[in-house]
Amino acid sequence: MQRGKYPFIVGFLALPVLVYVVFMISPFVQTAHYSFTDWGARTTEFDYIGLENYLELAEDEVFRKAFGNSLFFFVSLPLITIALALFFAFMLNVGGRGNRAGVRGVFGSSIYQVIFFFPFILSIAIVAIVWGAIFRTDRHGLANAILMGVGLVDESRPLLFLSDPRAVKWILLGVAVWGFTGFFMVLFSAAMAAIPKDIFEAAVLDGAKRGQQFFRVTLPLLRDTISVAWVYLGILGLDMFALVYALSQGGPNFASEVMATRIYDTAFGGYRPGQFGLACAMGVTLALFTLVLAIIQLRVLRRDRIEY
């Protein structure tokens, strides 16, 4: 049995590893290769130009703006989503009326979890249609109609919402938080349910209030789960392609442009499409930036595992 162990392992893993290399590793390698060329849409031939594409990125004002917007979503999306998800998960699990143990969740918590989780399963196309209708920049948009109905907005001057450079990023952030909070609330709820109730009961007997229970008991025991959620949300914040392209197309005046939409426009759209070599350089930059930030996040949040 011992002699046949390694051939069995190799035979078992050979096909999955081959598929991963062909469909995952190979495209990354090809992208890095093309990023050092002047490959364009008008010709199948290209020359190697070294680091010129990367130097051009440093001088591209729109790419720098897209980089800043991606950094904004990278910081704000995990921070707000995790804070809300933790709050709702804690209230659903230990936020009900106090009984003798003081650890009971609110009534109907399972129903609330389904309601909060529902936005996460919606297609991005549906999300874009719904929120696009809400934030239409005329009196037919739901938000403008409500504000006009209560007299806060003049019918002749509706709010611009997604056409306002100062508001568009915050609206996109709000839609993203709305879509992801429910999933992470369920994730944190499952992690809280795995914490022995004896720990909460001991905290109650020691006189700990709800806030103290959360910050001194629940939060430290959920640190591993929070660290995973933070990295995942950080990567989602650096992407944001589907939501931005569906709702604002990176506008107005590149106010909501992110690195992913800039890559797409450089390769397939925008005012200078077909710059595949430059788009590949953008993709490599985004991949390296994501990898570095993920490593930093994991190292900052790393600690010894708590057993209970």
C-alpha atoms as a PDB file:
ATOM      1  CA  MET A   1       0.000   0.000   0.000  1.00  0.00           C
ATOM      2  CA  GLN A   2       2.820   2.396   0.921  1.00  0.00           C
ATOM      3  CA  ARG A   3       4.667   1.683  -2.359  1.00  0.00           C
ATOM      4  CA  GLY A   4       1.575   2.435  -4.423  1.00  0.00           C
ATOM      5  CA  LYS A   5       0.698   5.660  -2.601  1.00  0.00           C
ATOM      6  CA  TYR A   6       2.599   8.149  -4.762  1.00  0.00           C
ATOM      7  CA  PRO A   7       1.560   6.726  -8.158  1.00  0.00           C
ATOM      8  CA  PHE A   8      -2.035   6.838  -6.933  1.00  0.00           C
ATOM      9  CA  ILE A   9      -1.692  10.485  -5.833  1.00  0.00           C
ATOM     10  CA  VAL A  10      -0.038  11.477  -9.103  1.00  0.00           C
ATOM     11  CA  GLY A  11      -2.685   9.661 -11.142  1.00  0.00           C
ATOM     12  CA  PHE A  12      -5.470  11.258  -9.127  1.00  0.00           C
ATOM     13  CA  LEU A  13      -4.119  14.809  -9.457  1.00  0.00           C
ATOM     14  CA  ALA A  14      -2.646  14.690 -12.962  1.00  0.00           C
ATOM     15  CA  LEU A  15      -5.827  15.604 -14.877  1.00  0.00           C
ATOM     16  CA  PRO A  16      -7.002  18.421 -12.526  1.00  0.00           C
ATOM     17  CA  VAL A  17      -3.509  19.941 -12.476  1.00  0.00           C
ATOM     18  CA  LEU A  18      -3.299  19.725 -16.270  1.00  0.00           C
ATOM     19  CA  VAL A  19      -6.680  21.446 -16.659  1.00  0.00           C
ATOM     20  CA  TYR A  20      -5.627  24.158 -14.189  1.00  0.00           C
ATOM     21  CA  VAL A  21      -2.336  24.776 -16.001  1.00  0.00           C
ATOM     22  CA  VAL A  22      -3.959  24.941 -19.458  1.00  0.00           C
ATOM     23  CA  PHE A  23      -6.946  27.109 -18.558  1.00  0.00           C
ATOM     24  CA  MET A  24      -5.571  29.204 -15.646  1.00  0.00           C
ATOM     25  CA  ILE A  25      -1.784  29.402 -15.608  1.00  0.00           C
ATOM     26  CA  SER A  26      -1.269  29.482 -19.377  1.00  0.00           C
ATOM     27  CA  PRO A  27      -3.486  32.585 -19.968  1.00  0.00           C
ATOM     28  CA  PHE A  28      -1.624  34.450 -17.221  1.00  0.00           C
ATOM     29  CA  VAL A  29       1.728  33.599 -18.790  1.00  0.00           C
ATOM     30  CA  GLN A  30       0.504  34.640 -22.250  1.00  0.00           C
ATOM     31  CA  THR A  31      -0.846  37.916 -20.887  1.00  0.00           C
ATOM     32  CA  ALA A  32       2.495  38.712 -19.268  1.00  0.00           C
ATOM     33  CA  HIS A  33       4.222  37.843 -22.556  1.00  0.00           C
ATOM     34  CA  TYR A  34       1.990  40.104 -24.672  1.00  0.00           C
ATOM     35  CA  SER A  35       2.351  42.986 -22.199  1.00  0.00           C
ATOM     36  CA  PHE A  36       5.910  43.508 -23.503  1.00  0.00           C
ATOM     37  CA  THR A  37       4.722  43.877 -27.113  1.00  0.00           C
ATOM     38  CA  ASP A  38       2.953  46.477 -29.267  1.00  0.00           C
ATOM     39  CA  TRP A  39       0.256  44.003 -30.331  1.00  0.00           C
ATOM     40  CA  GLY A  40      -2.768  45.793 -31.752  1.00  0.00           C
ATOM     41  CA  ALA A  41      -6.049  44.964 -33.427  1.00  0.00           C
ATOM     42  CA  ARG A  42      -4.970  45.969 -36.939  1.00  0.00           C
ATOM     43  CA  THR A  43      -2.189  43.426 -37.277  1.00  0.00           C
ATOM     44  CA  THR A  44      -1.347  39.938 -36.116  1.00  0.00           C
ATOM     45  CA  GLU A  45       2.352  40.801 -36.061  1.00  0.00           C
ATOM     46  CA  PHE A  46       3.959  42.617 -33.175  1.00  0.00           C
ATOM     47  CA  ASP A  47       7.340  43.734 -31.896  1.00  0.00           C
ATOM     48  CA  TYR A  48       8.801  43.509 -28.428  1.00  0.00           C
ATOM     49  CA  ILE A  49       8.992  46.947 -26.872  1.00  0.00           C
ATOM     50  CA  GLY A  50      10.143  46.090 -23.354  1.00  0.00           C
ATOM     51  CA  LEU A  51       8.605  48.165 -20.587  1.00  0.00           C
ATOM     52  CA  GLU A  52       7.096  50.859 -22.811  1.00  0.00           C
ATOM     53  CA  ASN A  53       3.524  49.767 -22.069  1.00  0.00           C
ATOM     54  CA  TYR A  54       4.150  49.971 -18.337  1.00  0.00           C
ATOM     55  CA  LEU A  55       5.797  53.387 -18.687  1.00  0.00           C
ATOM     56  CA  GLU A  56       2.775  54.564 -20.662  1.00  0.00           C
ATOM     57  CA  LEU A  57       0.498  53.457 -17.830  1.00  0.00           C
ATOM     58  CA  ALA A  58       2.408  55.675 -15.407  1.00  0.00           C
ATOM     59  CA  GLU A  59       1.649  58.671 -17.659  1.00  0.00           C
ATOM     60  CA  ASP A  60      -1.986  57.745 -18.392  1.00  0.00           C
ATOM     61  CA  GLU A  61      -4.158  60.126 -16.374  1.00  0.00           C
ATOM     62  CA  VAL A  62      -7.302  58.052 -16.868  1.00  0.00           C
ATOM     63  CA  PHE A  63      -5.551  54.887 -15.696  1.00  0.00           C
ATOM     64  CA  ARG A  64      -4.307  56.718 -12.597  1.00  0.00           C
ATOM     65  CA  LYS A  65      -7.870  57.833 -11.891  1.00  0.00           C
ATOM     66  CA  ALA A  66      -9.076  54.251 -12.409  1.00  0.00           C
ATOM     67  CA  PHE A  67      -6.348  53.049 -10.054  1.00  0.00           C
ATOM     68  CA  GLY A  68      -7.509  55.523  -7.395  1.00  0.00           C
ATOM     69  CA  ASN A  69     -11.151  54.465  -7.787  1.00  0.00           C
ATOM     70  CA  SER A  70     -10.175  50.781  -7.474  1.00  0.00           C
ATOM     71  CA  LEU A  71      -8.263  51.618  -4.305  1.00  0.00           C
ATOM     72  CA  PHE A  72     -11.342  53.451  -2.990  1.00  0.00           C
ATOM     73  CA  PHE A  73     -13.516  50.359  -3.478  1.00  0.00           C
ATOM     74  CA  PHE A  74     -10.757  48.114  -2.105  1.00  0.00           C
ATOM     75  CA  VAL A  75     -10.770  50.004   1.198  1.00  0.00           C
ATOM     76  CA  SER A  76     -14.409  50.998   1.582  1.00  0.00           C
ATOM     77  CA  LEU A  77     -16.243  47.876   0.354  1.00  0.00           C
ATOM     78  CA  PRO A  78     -14.754  45.431   2.913  1.00  0.00           C
ATOM     79  CA  LEU A  79     -14.918  47.975   5.731  1.00  0.00           C
ATOM     80  CA  ILE A  80     -18.610  48.847   5.350  1.00  0.00           C
ATOM     81  CA  THR A  81     -19.815  45.392   4.283  1.00  0.00           C
ATOM     82  CA  ILE A  82     -18.088  43.543   7.127  1.00  0.00           C
ATOM     83  CA  ALA A  83     -19.238  46.115   9.698  1.00  0.00           C
ATOM     84  CA  LEU A  84     -22.879  45.796   8.614  1.00  0.00           C
ATOM     85  CA  ALA A  85     -22.714  42.011   8.241  1.00  0.00           C
ATOM     86  CA  LEU A  86     -21.232  41.622  11.728  1.00  0.00           C
ATOM     87  CA  PHE A  87     -23.859  43.914  13.233  1.00  0.00           C
ATOM     88  CA  PHE A  88     -26.779  42.072  11.620  1.00  0.00           C
ATOM     89  CA  ALA A  89     -25.307  38.633  12.365  1.00  0.00           C
ATOM     90  CA  PHE A  90     -24.778  39.518  16.011  1.00  0.00           C
ATOM     91  CA  MET A  91     -28.290  40.918  16.377  1.00  0.00           C
ATOM     92  CA  LEU A  92     -29.826  37.852  14.736  1.00  0.00           C
ATOM     93  CA  ASN A  93     -27.863  35.410  16.900  1.00  0.00           C
ATOM     94  CA  VAL A  94     -27.684  37.062  20.300  1.00  0.00           C
ATOM     95  CA  GLY A  95     -29.748  40.208  19.899  1.00  0.00           C
ATOM     96  CA  GLY A  96     -33.134  38.974  21.064  1.00  0.00           C
ATOM     97  CA  ARG A  97     -34.798  39.615  24.370  1.00  0.00           C
ATOM     98  CA  GLY A  98     -32.667  38.578  27.258  1.00  0.00           C
ATOM     99  CA  ASN A  99     -33.597  35.390  29.009  1.00  0.00           C
ATOM    100  CA  ARG A 100     -31.822  33.788  31.897  1.00  0.00           C
ATOM    101  CA  ALA A 101     -28.822  32.925  29.732  1.00  0.00           C
ATOM    102  CA  GLY A 102     -29.032  36.102  27.712  1.00  0.00           C
ATOM    103  CA  VAL A 103     -27.902  34.468  24.477  1.00  0.00           C
ATOM    104  CA  ARG A 104     -31.088  34.104  22.469  1.00  0.00           C
ATOM    105  CA  GLY A 105     -31.376  35.454  18.921  1.00  0.00           C
ATOM    106  CA  VAL A 106     -34.222  37.578  17.604  1.00  0.00           C
ATOM    107  CA  PHE A 107     -37.534  35.979  16.721  1.00  0.00           C
ATOM    108  CA  GLY A 108     -37.661  34.826  13.086  1.00  0.00           C
ATOM    109  CA  SER A 109     -33.912  35.115  12.571  1.00  0.00           C
ATOM    110  CA  SER A 110     -33.911  32.408   9.873  1.00  0.00           C
ATOM    111  CA  ILE A 111     -36.450  34.383   7.840  1.00  0.00           C
ATOM    112  CA  TYR A 112     -34.339  37.536   8.129  1.00  0.00           C
ATOM    113  CA  GLN A 113     -31.294  35.600   6.920  1.00  0.00           C
ATOM    114  CA  VAL A 114     -33.157  34.539   3.773  1.00  0.00           C
ATOM    115  CA  ILE A 115     -34.322  38.107   3.136  1.00  0.00           C
ATOM    116  CA  PHE A 116     -30.841  39.569   3.603  1.00  0.00           C
ATOM    117  CA  PHE A 117     -29.222  36.826   1.505  1.00  0.00           C
ATOM    118  CA  PHE A 118     -31.603  37.262  -1.437  1.00  0.00           C
ATOM    119  CA  PRO A 119     -29.732  40.178  -3.171  1.00  0.00           C
ATOM    120  CA  PHE A 120     -26.595  38.053  -3.387  1.00  0.00           C
ATOM    121  CA  ILE A 121     -28.241  35.472  -5.664  1.00  0.00           C
ATOM    122  CA  LEU A 122     -29.545  38.032  -8.153  1.00  0.00           C
ATOM    123  CA  SER A 123     -27.898  38.306 -11.551  1.00  0.00           C
ATOM    124  CA  ILE A 124     -25.841  41.439 -12.104  1.00  0.00           C
ATOM    125  CA  ALA A 125     -28.099  42.221 -15.081  1.00  0.00           C
ATOM    126  CA  ILE A 126     -31.151  42.258 -12.810  1.00  0.00           C
ATOM    127  CA  VAL A 127     -29.325  44.371 -10.239  1.00  0.00           C
ATOM    128  CA  ALA A 128     -28.320  46.873 -12.932  1.00  0.00           C
ATOM    129  CA  ILE A 129     -31.871  47.127 -14.312  1.00  0.00           C
ATOM    130  CA  VAL A 130     -33.436  47.601 -10.867  1.00  0.00           C
ATOM    131  CA  TRP A 131     -30.968  50.159  -9.544  1.00  0.00           C
ATOM    132  CA  GLY A 132     -30.733  51.881 -12.908  1.00  0.00           C
ATOM    133  CA  ALA A 133     -34.502  52.421 -12.769  1.00  0.00           C
ATOM    134  CA  ILE A 134     -34.251  53.698  -9.203  1.00  0.00           C
ATOM    135  CA  PHE A 135     -31.509  56.227 -10.026  1.00  0.00           C
ATOM    136  CA  ARG A 136     -32.790  57.453 -13.385  1.00  0.00           C
ATOM    137  CA  THR A 137     -31.957  61.122 -13.839  1.00  0.00           C
ATOM    138  CA  ASP A 138     -35.509  62.237 -14.587  1.00  0.00           C
ATOM    139  CA  ARG A 139     -38.875  62.325 -12.869  1.00  0.00           C
ATOM    140  CA  HIS A 140     -39.547  58.723 -13.894  1.00  0.00           C
ATOM    141  CA  GLY A 141     -36.758  57.434 -11.691  1.00  0.00           C
ATOM    142  CA  LEU A 142     -38.020  56.037  -8.387  1.00  0.00           C
ATOM    143  CA  ALA A 143     -35.632  58.051  -6.195  1.00  0.00           C
ATOM    144  CA  ASN A 144     -36.405  61.325  -7.979  1.00  0.00           C
ATOM    145  CA  ALA A 145     -40.138  60.574  -8.002  1.00  0.00           C
ATOM    146  CA  ILE A 146     -40.176  60.038  -4.235  1.00  0.00           C
ATOM    147  CA  LEU A 147     -38.111  63.155  -3.545  1.00  0.00           C
ATOM    148  CA  MET A 148     -40.336  65.204  -5.846  1.00  0.00           C
ATOM    149  CA  GLY A 149     -43.434  63.759  -4.210  1.00  0.00           C
ATOM    150  CA  VAL A 150     -42.382  64.993  -0.766  1.00  0.00           C
ATOM    151  CA  GLY A 151     -41.229  68.348  -2.135  1.00  0.00           C
ATOM    152  CA  LEU A 152     -37.488  67.948  -1.585  1.00  0.00           C
ATOM    153  CA  VAL A 153     -36.600  68.166  -5.280  1.00  0.00           C
ATOM    154  CA  ASP A 154     -37.954  70.502  -7.951  1.00  0.00           C
ATOM    155  CA  GLU A 155     -39.544  68.649 -10.892  1.00  0.00           C
ATOM    156  CA  SER A 156     -37.632  70.828 -13.331  1.00  0.00           C
ATOM    157  CA  ARG A 157     -34.297  69.972 -11.726  1.00  0.00           C
ATOM    158  CA  PRO A 158     -34.131  66.242 -10.901  1.00  0.00           C
ATOM    159  CA  LEU A 159     -31.058  64.881  -9.179  1.00  0.00           C
ATOM    160  CA  LEU A 160     -28.422  63.442 -11.520  1.00  0.00           C
ATOM    161  CA  PHE A 161     -27.342  60.474  -9.351  1.00  0.00           C
ATOM    162  CA  LEU A 162     -25.282  58.259 -11.714  1.00  0.00           C
ATOM    163  CA  SER A 163     -24.525  61.261 -13.930  1.00  0.00           C
ATOM    164  CA  ASP A 164     -23.055  63.233 -11.025  1.00  0.00           C
ATOM    165  CA  PRO A 165     -19.239  62.789 -10.782  1.00  0.00           C
ATOM    166  CA  ARG A 166     -19.358  63.456  -7.034  1.00  0.00           C
ATOM    167  CA  ALA A 167     -22.090  60.910  -6.262  1.00  0.00           C
ATOM    168  CA  VAL A 168     -21.579  58.044  -8.716  1.00  0.00           C
ATOM    169  CA  LYS A 169     -18.834  56.240  -6.747  1.00  0.00           C
ATOM    170  CA  TRP A 170     -20.844  56.335  -3.537  1.00  0.00           C
ATOM    171  CA  ILE A 171     -23.963  55.030  -5.294  1.00  0.00           C
ATOM    172  CA  LEU A 172     -21.983  52.146  -6.800  1.00  0.00           C
ATOM    173  CA  LEU A 173     -20.483  51.431  -3.383  1.00  0.00           C
ATOM    174  CA  GLY A 174     -23.955  51.396  -1.832  1.00  0.00           C
ATOM    175  CA  VAL A 175     -25.273  48.959  -4.432  1.00  0.00           C
ATOM    176  CA  ALA A 176     -22.256  46.669  -3.901  1.00  0.00           C
ATOM    177  CA  VAL A 177     -22.695  46.741  -0.123  1.00  0.00           C
ATOM    178  CA  TRP A 178     -26.409  45.984  -0.554  1.00  0.00           C
ATOM    179  CA  GLY A 179     -25.554  42.980  -2.706  1.00  0.00           C
ATOM    180  CA  PHE A 180     -22.801  41.447  -0.549  1.00  0.00           C
ATOM    181  CA  THR A 181     -23.875  42.161   3.038  1.00  0.00           C
ATOM    182  CA  GLY A 182     -26.419  39.341   3.172  1.00  0.00           C
ATOM    183  CA  PHE A 183     -23.924  36.666   2.138  1.00  0.00           C
ATOM    184  CA  PHE A 184     -21.378  37.666   4.752  1.00  0.00           C
ATOM    185  CA  MET A 185     -24.080  38.064   7.388  1.00  0.00           C
ATOM    186  CA  VAL A 186     -24.980  34.400   6.835  1.00  0.00           C
ATOM    187  CA  LEU A 187     -21.276  33.482   6.908  1.00  0.00           C
ATOM    188  CA  PHE A 188     -20.718  35.303  10.203  1.00  0.00           C
ATOM    189  CA  SER A 189     -23.951  33.859  11.610  1.00  0.00           C
ATOM    190  CA  ALA A 190     -22.670  30.344  10.939  1.00  0.00           C
ATOM    191  CA  ALA A 191     -19.365  31.200  12.609  1.00  0.00           C
ATOM    192  CA  MET A 192     -21.172  32.657  15.630  1.00  0.00           C
ATOM    193  CA  ALA A 193     -23.382  29.582  15.887  1.00  0.00           C
ATOM    194  CA  ALA A 194     -20.225  27.473  16.195  1.00  0.00           C
ATOM    195  CA  ILE A 195     -19.110  29.407  19.292  1.00  0.00           C
ATOM    196  CA  PRO A 196     -20.149  27.497  22.427  1.00  0.00           C
ATOM    197  CA  LYS A 197     -23.045  29.186  24.204  1.00  0.00           C
ATOM    198  CA  ASP A 198     -21.212  28.635  27.486  1.00  0.00           C
ATOM    199  CA  ILE A 199     -18.839  31.448  26.549  1.00  0.00           C
ATOM    200  CA  PHE A 200     -21.690  33.934  26.137  1.00  0.00           C
ATOM    201  CA  GLU A 201     -23.365  32.703  29.296  1.00  0.00           C
ATOM    202  CA  ALA A 202     -20.152  33.204  31.250  1.00  0.00           C
ATOM    203  CA  ALA A 203     -19.868  36.739  29.865  1.00  0.00           C
ATOM    204  CA  VAL A 204     -23.452  37.497  30.924  1.00  0.00           C
ATOM    205  CA  LEU A 205     -22.836  36.132  34.425  1.00  0.00           C
ATOM    206  CA  ASP A 206     -19.774  38.390  34.649  1.00  0.00           C
ATOM    207  CA  GLY A 207     -21.996  41.374  33.902  1.00  0.00           C
ATOM    208  CA  ALA A 208     -20.982  41.982  30.267  1.00  0.00           C
ATOM    209  CA  LYS A 209     -23.382  44.159  28.272  1.00  0.00           C
ATOM    210  CA  ARG A 210     -24.274  43.530  24.629  1.00  0.00           C
ATOM    211  CA  GLY A 211     -21.547  45.821  23.364  1.00  0.00           C
ATOM    212  CA  GLN A 212     -18.936  44.210  25.596  1.00  0.00           C
ATOM    213  CA  GLN A 213     -20.064  40.743  24.485  1.00  0.00           C
ATOM    214  CA  PHE A 214     -19.568  41.744  20.871  1.00  0.00           C
ATOM    215  CA  PHE A 215     -16.187  43.479  21.109  1.00  0.00           C
ATOM    216  CA  ARG A 216     -14.577  41.283  23.772  1.00  0.00           C
ATOM    217  CA  VAL A 217     -16.081  37.866  23.050  1.00  0.00           C
ATOM    218  CA  THR A 218     -17.614  37.575  19.584  1.00  0.00           C
ATOM    219  CA  LEU A 219     -15.223  39.705  17.544  1.00  0.00           C
ATOM    220  CA  PRO A 220     -11.972  38.047  18.708  1.00  0.00           C
ATOM    221  CA  LEU A 221     -13.416  34.560  18.099  1.00  0.00           C
ATOM    222  CA  LEU A 222     -14.459  35.517  14.560  1.00  0.00           C
ATOM    223  CA  ARG A 223     -11.126  36.963  13.514  1.00  0.00           C
ATOM    224  CA  ASP A 224     -10.208  34.069  11.193  1.00  0.00           C
ATOM    225  CA  THR A 225     -13.561  34.281   9.405  1.00  0.00           C
ATOM    226  CA  ILE A 226     -13.307  38.068   9.163  1.00  0.00           C
ATOM    227  CA  SER A 227      -9.809  37.860   7.676  1.00  0.00           C
ATOM    228  CA  VAL A 228     -11.033  35.534   4.910  1.00  0.00           C
ATOM    229  CA  ALA A 229     -14.027  37.794   4.235  1.00  0.00           C
ATOM    230  CA  TRP A 230     -11.768  40.857   4.146  1.00  0.00           C
ATOM    231  CA  VAL A 231      -9.466  39.361   1.507  1.00  0.00           C
ATOM    232  CA  TYR A 232     -12.401  38.162  -0.606  1.00  0.00           C
ATOM    233  CA  LEU A 233     -14.153  41.539  -0.444  1.00  0.00           C
ATOM    234  CA  GLY A 234     -10.893  43.332  -1.167  1.00  0.00           C
ATOM    235  CA  ILE A 235     -10.521  41.349  -4.383  1.00  0.00           C
ATOM    236  CA  LEU A 236     -14.149  42.107  -5.284  1.00  0.00           C
ATOM    237  CA  GLY A 237     -13.486  45.783  -4.608  1.00  0.00           C
ATOM    238  CA  LEU A 238     -10.535  45.751  -6.990  1.00  0.00           C
ATOM    239  CA  ASP A 239     -12.717  44.190  -9.683  1.00  0.00           C
ATOM    240  CA  MET A 240     -16.158  45.896  -9.693  1.00  0.00           C
ATOM    241  CA  PHE A 241     -16.197  45.510 -13.508  1.00  0.00           C
ATOM    242  CA  ALA A 242     -19.691  44.109 -13.968  1.00  0.00           C
ATOM    243  CA  LEU A 243     -21.434  46.562 -11.649  1.00  0.00           C
ATOM    244  CA  VAL A 244     -19.598  49.648 -12.909  1.00  0.00           C
ATOM    245  CA  TYR A 245     -20.013  48.748 -16.572  1.00  0.00           C
ATOM    246  CA  ALA A 246     -23.680  47.893 -16.155  1.00  0.00           C
ATOM    247  CA  LEU A 247     -24.654  51.035 -14.245  1.00  0.00           C
ATOM    248  CA  SER A 248     -22.277  53.843 -15.224  1.00  0.00           C
ATOM    249  CA  GLN A 249     -19.882  52.556 -17.933  1.00  0.00           C
ATOM    250  CA  GLY A 250     -17.089  54.247 -16.000  1.00  0.00           C
ATOM    251  CA  GLY A 251     -18.591  57.735 -16.349  1.00  0.00           C
ATOM    252  CA  PRO A 252     -19.315  60.490 -16.132  1.00  0.00           C
ATOM    253  CA  ASN A 253     -15.925  61.831 -17.269  1.00  0.00           C
ATOM    254  CA  PHE A 254     -14.215  58.656 -15.938  1.00  0.00           C
ATOM    255  CA  ALA A 255     -15.440  59.451 -12.407  1.00  0.00           C
ATOM    256  CA  SER A 256     -16.332  55.796 -11.783  1.00  0.00           C
ATOM    257  CA  GLU A 257     -13.695  54.210 -14.026  1.00  0.00           C
ATOM    258  CA  VAL A 258     -11.908  51.274 -12.362  1.00  0.00           C
ATOM    259  CA  MET A 259      -8.903  49.274 -13.500  1.00  0.00           C
ATOM    260  CA  ALA A 260     -11.016  46.417 -14.865  1.00  0.00           C
ATOM    261  CA  THR A 261     -13.198  48.683 -17.026  1.00  0.00           C
ATOM    262  CA  ARG A 262     -10.105  50.518 -18.223  1.00  0.00           C
ATOM    263  CA  ILE A 263      -8.625  47.222 -19.387  1.00  0.00           C
ATOM    264  CA  TYR A 264     -11.801  46.379 -21.298  1.00  0.00           C
ATOM    265  CA  ASP A 265     -12.030  49.797 -22.948  1.00  0.00           C
ATOM    266  CA  THR A 266      -8.377  49.708 -23.961  1.00  0.00           C
ATOM    267  CA  ALA A 267      -8.794  46.332 -25.629  1.00  0.00           C
ATOM    268  CA  PHE A 268     -12.346  46.418 -27.016  1.00  0.00           C
ATOM    269  CA  GLY A 269     -13.944  49.844 -26.589  1.00  0.00           C
ATOM    270  CA  GLY A 270     -13.291  53.466 -25.789  1.00  0.00           C
ATOM    271  CA  TYR A 271     -11.750  56.019 -28.100  1.00  0.00           C
ATOM    272  CA  ARG A 272      -8.615  53.949 -28.883  1.00  0.00           C
ATOM    273  CA  PRO A 273      -9.700  50.292 -28.939  1.00  0.00           C
ATOM    274  CA  GLY A 274      -7.554  47.375 -29.992  1.00  0.00           C
ATOM    275  CA  GLN A 275      -4.465  48.148 -27.897  1.00  0.00           C
ATOM    276  CA  PHE A 276      -4.082  44.582 -26.735  1.00  0.00           C
ATOM    277  CA  GLY A 277      -0.471  44.876 -25.604  1.00  0.00           C
ATOM    278  CA  LEU A 278      -1.282  47.871 -23.416  1.00  0.00           C
ATOM    279  CA  ALA A 279      -4.398  46.131 -22.077  1.00  0.00           C
ATOM    280  CA  CYS A 280      -2.281  43.105 -21.153  1.00  0.00           C
ATOM    281  CA  ALA A 281       0.093  45.391 -19.249  1.00  0.00           C
ATOM    282  CA  MET A 282      -2.899  46.767 -17.339  1.00  0.00           C
ATOM    283  CA  GLY A 283      -4.059  43.234 -16.568  1.00  0.00           C
ATOM    284  CA  VAL A 284      -0.647  42.229 -15.239  1.00  0.00           C
ATOM    285  CA  THR A 285      -0.525  45.387 -13.115  1.00  0.00           C
ATOM    286  CA  LEU A 286      -3.976  44.649 -11.666  1.00  0.00           C
ATOM    287  CA  ALA A 287      -3.063  41.005 -10.958  1.00  0.00           C
ATOM    288  CA  LEU A 288       0.206  41.912  -9.205  1.00  0.00           C
ATOM    289  CA  PHE A 289      -1.472  44.696  -7.234  1.00  0.00           C
ATOM    290  CA  THR A 290      -4.227  42.309  -6.118  1.00  0.00           C
ATOM    291  CA  LEU A 291      -1.703  39.662  -5.112  1.00  0.00           C
ATOM    292  CA  VAL A 292       0.406  42.095  -3.096  1.00  0.00           C
ATOM    293  CA  LEU A 293      -2.602  43.539  -1.258  1.00  0.00           C
ATOM    294  CA  ALA A 294      -3.973  40.050  -0.513  1.00  0.00           C
ATOM    295  CA  ILE A 295      -0.616  38.990   0.963  1.00  0.00           C
ATOM    296  CA  ILE A 296      -0.461  42.155   3.086  1.00  0.00           C
ATOM    297  CA  GLN A 297      -4.013  41.604   4.321  1.00  0.00           C
ATOM    298  CA  LEU A 298      -3.332  37.986   5.264  1.00  0.00           C
ATOM    299  CA  ARG A 299      -0.132  38.882   7.118  1.00  0.00           C
ATOM    300  CA  VAL A 300      -1.736  41.769   8.996  1.00  0.00           C
ATOM    301  CA  LEU A 301      -4.735  39.672  10.047  1.00  0.00           C
ATOM    302  CA  ARG A 302      -2.751  36.505  10.774  1.00  0.00           C
ATOM    303  CA  ARG A 303      -2.558  35.235  14.337  1.00  0.00           C
ATOM    304  CA  ASP A 304      -2.464  32.021  16.314  1.00  0.00           C
ATOM    305  CA  ARG A 305      -5.621  29.952  16.013  1.00  0.00           C
ATOM    306  CA  ILE A 306      -7.977  30.067  18.978  1.00  0.00           C
ATOM    307  CA  GLU A 307      -9.445  26.744  20.023  1.00  0.00           C
ATOM    308  CA  TYR A 308     -12.585  26.444  22.139  1.00  0.00           C
END
